Amino acid sequence: MEKLLTIVGVVLAISLLVIIHEFGHYLVARAFGMRVLTYSIGFGPVIARWRPRGSETIFQIAAIPLLAYVQVAGMNPREPNDPHDRGSYQNARPIARLLMIAAGPLANYLAASLAVFALLVFGGEHLDASARAQIGDVIAGKPAAAAGFRTGDTIVSIDGTATPTWRSMLERVRGSRGQPLRVQFERAGSTQETTVIPQPLDIAGQQFFGIGITQRAQFRPVSMRRAVGDAIVKPATMTAEIVDMLSKIFRRQIKDAQLMGPVRMVQETAQQASKGWRDGLLAVMFISLQLFVMNLLPIPVLDGGRLLMLAYEITLRRKPNATVETRLLQGSMLMMLGLFLFVTSRELYGLVRGWLS
């Protein structure tokens, strides 16, 4: 039941990111006087619909609360257009249309920045290997388990040499060459001693001596100024890493990379969320940045494609041919839908096969 609730929460969180994306489009469209016809949360049969008094926008909630969309008057290039209609997208200034299209991805970027800020303010800064050598997990069947270590123990010395940090402890264990080590550790305020014999371990293709423990996550408070600074810098750094990875995939430098569909995205995010709210929020933040980057790809049906067409219009001072633009939008929409169905069906097949095996 707990796992199901986690998955439902993750699905709603990802849906919220899409709703935030569309809300960015909505706010800027209204700011520039464009007429928003529909703001829909979810898809499928409409279960609730209302229009505020004096508003031209119909707000609705559909039966399947995934995704969202905003319908702005004049967005379809083949749609009949009254040149005197000041609320039409087609009649808005190019800069207004550009900002409206860019507002969706930017809303996802801002959401990621707010997530970083919230993590630091409410959760503190994660300490790395310079933190105390406090044990998180003890892996069953490994030397640490045989020696009697438990989660929460803090290693203070090895063979009489102090190990004040996780890094110094690792250096002593990895340099042991498999010789027995006399380890002093703290548990519940008392100091105890045991002997552990490191063994060769192979993790991610790297071989070294270890005892089979993981570091316990430790955090410390940060100042408000630091939280604001990291909320600006870290999303930019992560965005650069996502772009670099996409570039390597396209150049086939990463040959085994596979596209991640909604099923795997929910699975991996739920797995992170099960570790704690910090890991869950980090995963959602990463997805928000992925939405930011992916929506800016120069594919006609995505925001990046529309921005490219607007750049064409601003540079050459003429609008793209409506017929060509429509065919590009329709073709790319079919391509994206086909890709979505292919990736989703592949992931569902793998999921069902895993259940049956």
Protein backbone atom coordinates (compact mmCIF):
# COMPACT_ATOMS: atom_id res chain seq x y z
CA MET A 1 0.00 0.00 0.00
CA GLU A 2 2.83 2.36 0.90
CA LYS A 3 4.54 1.68 -2.44
CA LEU A 4 1.29 2.38 -4.31
CA LEU A 5 0.85 5.68 -2.47
CA THR A 6 4.44 6.62 -3.34
CA ILE A 7 3.81 5.93 -7.05
CA VAL A 8 0.55 7.92 -6.99
CA GLY A 9 2.39 10.81 -5.33
CA VAL A 10 5.14 10.70 -7.96
CA VAL A 11 2.60 10.67 -10.81
CA LEU A 12 0.86 13.70 -9.32
CA ALA A 13 4.20 15.47 -8.79
CA ILE A 14 5.20 14.95 -12.45
CA SER A 15 1.74 16.10 -13.53
CA LEU A 16 2.22 19.21 -11.38
CA LEU A 17 5.41 20.00 -13.31
CA VAL A 18 3.44 19.90 -16.58
CA ILE A 19 0.69 22.05 -15.04
CA ILE A 20 3.36 24.57 -13.96
CA HIS A 21 4.75 24.53 -17.52
CA GLU A 22 1.35 25.34 -19.03
CA PHE A 23 0.66 27.94 -16.32
CA GLY A 24 3.77 29.79 -17.48
CA HIS A 25 2.29 29.97 -21.00
CA TYR A 26 -1.05 31.08 -19.56
CA LEU A 27 0.31 33.90 -17.39
CA VAL A 28 2.42 35.49 -20.13
CA ALA A 29 -0.34 35.09 -22.74
CA ARG A 30 -2.75 36.96 -20.49
CA ALA A 31 -0.08 39.56 -19.61
CA PHE A 32 0.18 40.47 -23.31
CA GLY A 33 -3.59 40.45 -23.86
CA MET A 34 -3.82 37.16 -25.75
CA ARG A 35 -7.13 35.34 -25.40
CA VAL A 36 -6.80 31.98 -23.64
CA LEU A 37 -9.74 29.79 -24.61
CA THR A 38 -9.05 26.74 -22.45
CA TYR A 39 -6.81 25.76 -19.56
CA SER A 40 -7.12 22.02 -19.05
CA ILE A 41 -5.63 19.83 -16.35
CA GLY A 42 -5.52 16.22 -17.50
CA PHE A 43 -7.00 14.58 -20.58
CA GLY A 44 -9.95 12.37 -21.46
CA PRO A 45 -13.59 13.08 -20.53
CA VAL A 46 -14.09 16.40 -18.74
CA ILE A 47 -15.37 15.93 -15.19
CA ALA A 48 -15.40 19.58 -14.09
CA ARG A 49 -15.52 22.82 -16.03
CA TRP A 50 -16.02 26.45 -15.07
CA ARG A 51 -15.50 29.95 -16.43
CA PRO A 52 -14.93 32.80 -13.98
CA ARG A 53 -17.20 35.79 -14.35
CA GLY A 54 -15.81 38.26 -16.89
CA SER A 55 -13.22 35.76 -18.18
CA GLU A 56 -12.98 34.22 -21.64
CA THR A 57 -11.05 31.22 -20.35
CA ILE A 58 -12.69 27.88 -19.59
CA PHE A 59 -10.85 26.04 -16.81
CA GLN A 60 -11.43 22.29 -16.77
CA ILE A 61 -10.29 19.08 -15.09
CA ALA A 62 -10.32 15.87 -17.11
CA ALA A 63 -10.77 12.30 -15.93
CA ILE A 64 -7.10 11.34 -16.25
CA PRO A 65 -5.15 13.92 -14.20
CA LEU A 66 -1.95 13.69 -16.26
CA LEU A 67 -0.44 16.42 -18.43
CA ALA A 68 -2.14 19.72 -19.15
CA TYR A 69 -2.61 22.12 -22.03
CA VAL A 70 -3.47 25.74 -22.75
CA GLN A 71 -5.43 26.70 -25.87
CA VAL A 72 -4.64 30.24 -27.04
CA ALA A 73 -6.73 31.84 -29.79
CA GLY A 74 -4.81 31.95 -33.09
CA MET A 75 -2.14 29.37 -32.19
CA ASN A 76 -3.10 27.21 -35.17
CA PRO A 77 -1.38 28.78 -38.23
CA ARG A 78 -4.25 27.64 -40.52
CA GLU A 79 -6.91 29.07 -38.22
CA PRO A 80 -8.94 31.92 -39.78
CA ASN A 81 -7.65 35.16 -38.36
CA ASP A 82 -9.31 38.55 -38.01
CA PRO A 83 -6.49 41.13 -38.32
CA HIS A 84 -8.45 43.39 -35.95
CA ASP A 85 -8.64 40.71 -33.22
CA ARG A 86 -6.19 42.03 -30.63
CA GLY A 87 -6.56 38.88 -28.51
CA SER A 88 -5.28 36.54 -31.23
CA TYR A 89 -1.83 34.99 -30.94
CA GLN A 90 -1.27 35.64 -34.64
CA ASN A 91 -1.76 39.40 -34.17
CA ALA A 92 0.45 39.77 -31.10
CA ARG A 93 3.90 41.33 -31.48
CA PRO A 94 6.67 38.82 -32.22
CA ILE A 95 8.41 39.57 -28.91
CA ALA A 96 5.14 38.90 -27.04
CA ARG A 97 4.69 35.57 -28.81
CA LEU A 98 8.32 34.66 -28.17
CA LEU A 99 8.01 35.37 -24.45
CA MET A 100 4.73 33.45 -24.25
CA ILE A 101 6.28 30.35 -25.83
CA ALA A 102 9.45 30.59 -23.73
CA ALA A 103 7.45 31.02 -20.51
CA GLY A 104 6.55 27.31 -20.31
CA PRO A 105 10.11 25.96 -20.19
CA LEU A 106 11.18 28.86 -17.98
CA ALA A 107 8.42 27.98 -15.50
CA ASN A 108 9.96 24.48 -15.20
CA TYR A 109 13.40 26.02 -14.69
CA LEU A 110 12.07 28.28 -11.93
CA ALA A 111 10.33 25.30 -10.32
CA ALA A 112 13.68 23.50 -10.20
CA SER A 113 15.29 26.58 -8.62
CA LEU A 114 12.56 26.71 -5.98
CA ALA A 115 13.11 22.99 -5.27
CA VAL A 116 16.84 23.60 -4.67
CA PHE A 117 16.00 26.54 -2.39
CA ALA A 118 13.48 24.45 -0.41
CA LEU A 119 15.94 21.56 -0.07
CA LEU A 120 18.63 23.81 1.39
CA VAL A 121 16.35 25.86 3.65
CA PHE A 122 14.40 22.94 5.13
CA GLY A 123 16.86 20.07 4.68
CA GLY A 124 20.28 21.68 4.87
CA GLU A 125 23.44 21.00 2.88
CA HIS A 126 24.51 17.42 2.21
CA LEU A 127 27.96 16.67 3.61
CA ASP A 128 30.30 14.65 1.41
CA ALA A 129 33.23 12.38 2.31
CA SER A 130 34.57 15.08 4.65
CA ALA A 131 31.76 14.26 7.10
CA ARG A 132 32.12 11.84 10.03
CA ALA A 133 32.51 8.14 9.23
CA GLN A 134 28.96 7.29 10.24
CA ILE A 135 27.51 4.07 8.83
CA GLY A 136 24.29 4.13 6.81
CA ASP A 137 23.63 0.61 5.49
CA VAL A 138 25.45 -2.57 6.43
CA ILE A 139 25.40 -4.97 3.48
CA ALA A 140 24.43 -8.51 4.43
CA GLY A 141 27.08 -11.15 3.85
CA LYS A 142 29.95 -8.66 3.82
CA PRO A 143 32.79 -8.27 6.39
CA ALA A 144 31.13 -5.37 8.25
CA ALA A 145 28.01 -7.46 8.93
CA ALA A 146 30.17 -10.36 10.16
CA ALA A 147 32.07 -7.97 12.44
CA GLY A 148 28.82 -6.79 14.06
CA PHE A 149 28.52 -3.25 12.70
CA ARG A 150 25.07 -1.61 12.72
CA THR A 151 23.43 1.36 11.06
CA GLY A 152 24.30 4.53 13.00
CA ASP A 153 27.70 3.35 14.25
CA THR A 154 30.51 5.89 13.86
CA ILE A 155 34.04 4.62 13.14
CA VAL A 156 36.55 6.68 15.13
CA SER A 157 39.88 4.86 14.63
CA ILE A 158 41.51 1.96 12.78
CA ASP A 159 44.54 0.20 14.26
CA GLY A 160 44.95 3.10 16.68
CA THR A 161 44.95 5.78 13.95
CA ALA A 162 42.09 8.29 14.18
CA THR A 163 39.65 8.38 11.22
CA PRO A 164 37.70 11.59 11.77
CA THR A 165 36.12 11.57 8.29
CA TRP A 166 34.55 9.07 5.91
CA ARG A 167 37.34 9.75 3.43
CA SER A 168 40.11 8.93 5.92
CA MET A 169 38.30 5.74 6.92
CA LEU A 170 38.02 4.65 3.27
CA GLU A 171 41.72 5.29 2.70
CA ARG A 172 42.65 3.06 5.65
CA VAL A 173 40.32 0.24 4.57
CA ARG A 174 41.33 0.33 0.90
CA GLY A 175 45.00 0.41 1.81
CA SER A 176 44.70 -2.64 4.06
CA ARG A 177 45.30 -5.15 1.21
CA GLY A 178 42.96 -7.54 2.99
CA GLN A 179 44.80 -7.57 6.34
CA PRO A 180 42.67 -7.69 9.54
CA LEU A 181 41.86 -4.24 10.96
CA ARG A 182 41.21 -3.37 14.60
CA VAL A 183 38.35 -0.87 14.51
CA GLN A 184 37.09 1.36 17.29
CA PHE A 185 33.58 2.75 16.86
CA GLU A 186 30.92 4.63 18.81
CA ARG A 187 27.45 3.25 19.40
CA ALA A 188 24.81 4.91 21.58
CA GLY A 189 27.44 7.02 23.37
CA SER A 190 29.83 4.18 24.20
CA THR A 191 33.09 3.20 22.47
CA GLN A 192 33.44 -0.39 21.28
CA GLU A 193 36.05 -2.35 19.38
CA THR A 194 35.93 -5.13 16.80
CA THR A 195 38.09 -6.72 14.11
CA VAL A 196 37.12 -6.72 10.44
CA ILE A 197 38.86 -8.28 7.44
CA PRO A 198 38.36 -6.26 4.21
CA GLN A 199 37.73 -8.23 1.04
CA PRO A 200 38.04 -7.34 -2.67
CA LEU A 201 34.85 -5.68 -3.95
CA ASP A 202 33.80 -4.90 -7.52
CA ILE A 203 31.48 -1.90 -7.83
CA ALA A 204 30.70 -0.39 -11.25
CA GLY A 205 33.77 -2.06 -12.74
CA GLN A 206 36.14 -0.71 -10.09
CA GLN A 207 37.94 -3.13 -7.76
CA PHE A 208 39.14 -2.21 -4.28
CA PHE A 209 39.17 -3.56 -0.73
CA GLY A 210 36.07 -2.79 1.30
CA ILE A 211 33.97 -4.00 4.22
CA GLY A 212 30.45 -3.54 2.83
CA ILE A 213 29.06 -0.34 4.34
CA THR A 214 27.57 2.87 2.97
CA GLN A 215 27.84 6.38 4.36
CA ARG A 216 24.93 7.76 6.35
CA ALA A 217 23.61 10.97 4.85
CA GLN A 218 24.49 13.94 7.02
CA PHE A 219 23.29 17.52 6.62
CA ARG A 220 24.09 20.92 8.08
CA PRO A 221 22.08 24.18 7.99
CA VAL A 222 22.97 26.83 5.41
CA SER A 223 22.42 30.57 5.37
CA MET A 224 19.57 32.14 3.40
CA ARG A 225 22.13 33.87 1.19
CA ARG A 226 23.79 30.54 0.38
CA ALA A 227 20.40 28.94 -0.37
CA VAL A 228 19.53 31.72 -2.82
CA GLY A 229 22.93 31.50 -4.50
CA ASP A 230 22.75 27.72 -4.95
CA ALA A 231 19.17 27.99 -6.21
CA ILE A 232 20.56 30.14 -9.03
CA VAL A 233 23.77 28.23 -9.76
CA LYS A 234 22.88 24.53 -9.31
CA PRO A 235 19.99 24.35 -11.83
CA ALA A 236 22.27 25.98 -14.43
CA THR A 237 25.01 23.44 -13.71
CA MET A 238 22.60 20.51 -13.94
CA THR A 239 21.10 21.87 -17.15
CA ALA A 240 24.56 21.99 -18.70
CA GLU A 241 25.08 18.35 -17.66
CA ILE A 242 21.77 17.29 -19.25
CA VAL A 243 22.64 19.10 -22.49
CA ASP A 244 26.09 17.50 -22.50
CA MET A 245 24.58 14.04 -22.03
CA LEU A 246 22.07 14.61 -24.85
CA SER A 247 24.91 15.76 -27.07
CA LYS A 248 26.90 12.60 -26.33
CA ILE A 249 23.84 10.43 -27.05
CA PHE A 250 23.26 12.12 -30.42
CA ARG A 251 26.95 11.74 -31.27
CA ARG A 252 26.74 8.06 -30.19
CA GLN A 253 29.43 8.52 -27.56
CA ILE A 254 27.00 6.84 -25.14
CA LYS A 255 25.94 3.74 -27.09
CA ASP A 256 23.81 1.97 -24.50
CA ALA A 257 21.62 4.97 -23.64
CA GLN A 258 17.87 4.45 -23.91
CA LEU A 259 15.08 6.97 -24.01
CA MET A 260 13.22 7.16 -20.72
CA GLY A 261 9.44 7.00 -21.04
CA PRO A 262 6.75 7.79 -18.47
CA VAL A 263 6.73 4.29 -16.94
CA ARG A 264 10.46 4.21 -16.20
CA MET A 265 10.41 7.85 -15.13
CA VAL A 266 7.74 7.11 -12.52
CA GLN A 267 9.56 3.92 -11.42
CA GLU A 268 12.92 5.63 -10.89
CA THR A 269 11.41 8.69 -9.22
CA ALA A 270 9.35 6.48 -6.89
CA GLN A 271 12.49 4.54 -6.02
CA GLN A 272 14.25 7.78 -5.09
CA ALA A 273 11.21 9.05 -3.17
CA SER A 274 11.16 5.84 -1.10
CA LYS A 275 14.58 6.82 0.29
CA GLY A 276 13.20 10.03 1.77
CA TRP A 277 11.68 13.37 0.87
CA ARG A 278 15.06 14.88 -0.02
CA ASP A 279 15.82 12.24 -2.65
CA GLY A 280 12.26 12.45 -3.98
CA LEU A 281 12.42 16.22 -4.32
CA LEU A 282 15.83 16.00 -6.01
CA ALA A 283 14.40 13.53 -8.55
CA VAL A 284 11.41 15.78 -9.27
CA MET A 285 13.77 18.76 -9.64
CA PHE A 286 15.84 16.80 -12.17
CA ILE A 287 12.71 15.90 -14.15
CA SER A 288 11.69 19.58 -14.16
CA LEU A 289 15.05 20.50 -15.68
CA GLN A 290 14.67 17.70 -18.22
CA LEU A 291 11.30 19.16 -19.23
CA PHE A 292 12.99 22.55 -19.57
CA VAL A 293 15.68 21.16 -21.88
CA MET A 294 13.50 18.76 -23.88
CA ASN A 295 10.87 21.40 -24.60
CA LEU A 296 13.55 23.67 -26.06
CA LEU A 297 14.65 21.09 -28.65
CA PRO A 298 14.14 22.45 -32.21
CA ILE A 299 11.21 20.13 -33.00
CA PRO A 300 8.21 22.00 -34.52
CA VAL A 301 5.58 20.63 -32.12
CA LEU A 302 7.70 21.57 -29.09
CA ASP A 303 8.32 25.06 -27.71
CA GLY A 304 11.84 25.03 -29.17
CA GLY A 305 10.44 24.53 -32.68
CA ARG A 306 7.99 27.41 -32.27
CA LEU A 307 10.79 29.63 -30.97
CA LEU A 308 12.81 28.72 -34.07
CA MET A 309 9.93 29.77 -36.32
CA LEU A 310 9.59 33.03 -34.39
CA ALA A 311 13.33 33.63 -34.81
CA TYR A 312 12.82 33.12 -38.56
CA GLU A 313 9.96 35.65 -38.55
CA ILE A 314 11.87 38.24 -36.51
CA THR A 315 15.02 37.88 -38.63
CA LEU A 316 13.35 37.94 -42.08
CA ARG A 317 10.40 40.14 -41.00
CA ARG A 318 7.85 37.76 -42.48
CA LYS A 319 5.82 34.88 -41.11
CA PRO A 320 6.54 31.30 -42.18
CA ASN A 321 4.23 29.82 -44.80
CA ALA A 322 1.11 28.67 -42.92
CA THR A 323 0.75 25.47 -44.95
CA VAL A 324 4.39 24.47 -44.43
CA GLU A 325 4.21 25.31 -40.72
CA THR A 326 1.03 23.26 -40.30
CA ARG A 327 2.54 20.23 -42.04
CA LEU A 328 5.68 20.50 -39.91
CA LEU A 329 3.57 20.65 -36.76
CA GLN A 330 1.42 17.69 -37.81
CA GLY A 331 4.41 15.61 -38.92
CA SER A 332 6.39 16.24 -35.75
CA MET A 333 3.31 15.56 -33.63
CA LEU A 334 2.85 12.17 -35.28
CA MET A 335 6.56 11.45 -34.82
CA MET A 336 6.48 12.36 -31.13
CA LEU A 337 3.29 10.36 -30.58
CA GLY A 338 4.81 7.32 -32.29
CA LEU A 339 7.97 7.64 -30.22
CA PHE A 340 5.91 8.00 -27.04
CA LEU A 341 3.87 4.88 -27.83
CA PHE A 342 6.99 2.88 -28.75
CA VAL A 343 8.91 3.78 -25.59
CA THR A 344 5.88 3.34 -23.33
CA SER A 345 4.93 -0.05 -24.81
CA ARG A 346 8.54 -1.24 -24.45
CA GLU A 347 8.63 -0.20 -20.81
CA LEU A 348 5.22 -1.74 -20.08
CA TYR A 349 6.37 -4.99 -21.69
CA GLY A 350 9.49 -5.02 -19.51
CA LEU A 351 7.39 -4.26 -16.43
CA VAL A 352 4.91 -7.08 -17.12
CA ARG A 353 7.71 -9.53 -17.96
CA GLY A 354 9.38 -8.65 -14.64
CA TRP A 355 6.16 -9.36 -12.75
CA LEU A 356 5.68 -12.72 -14.46
CA SER A 357 9.29 -13.91 -14.09
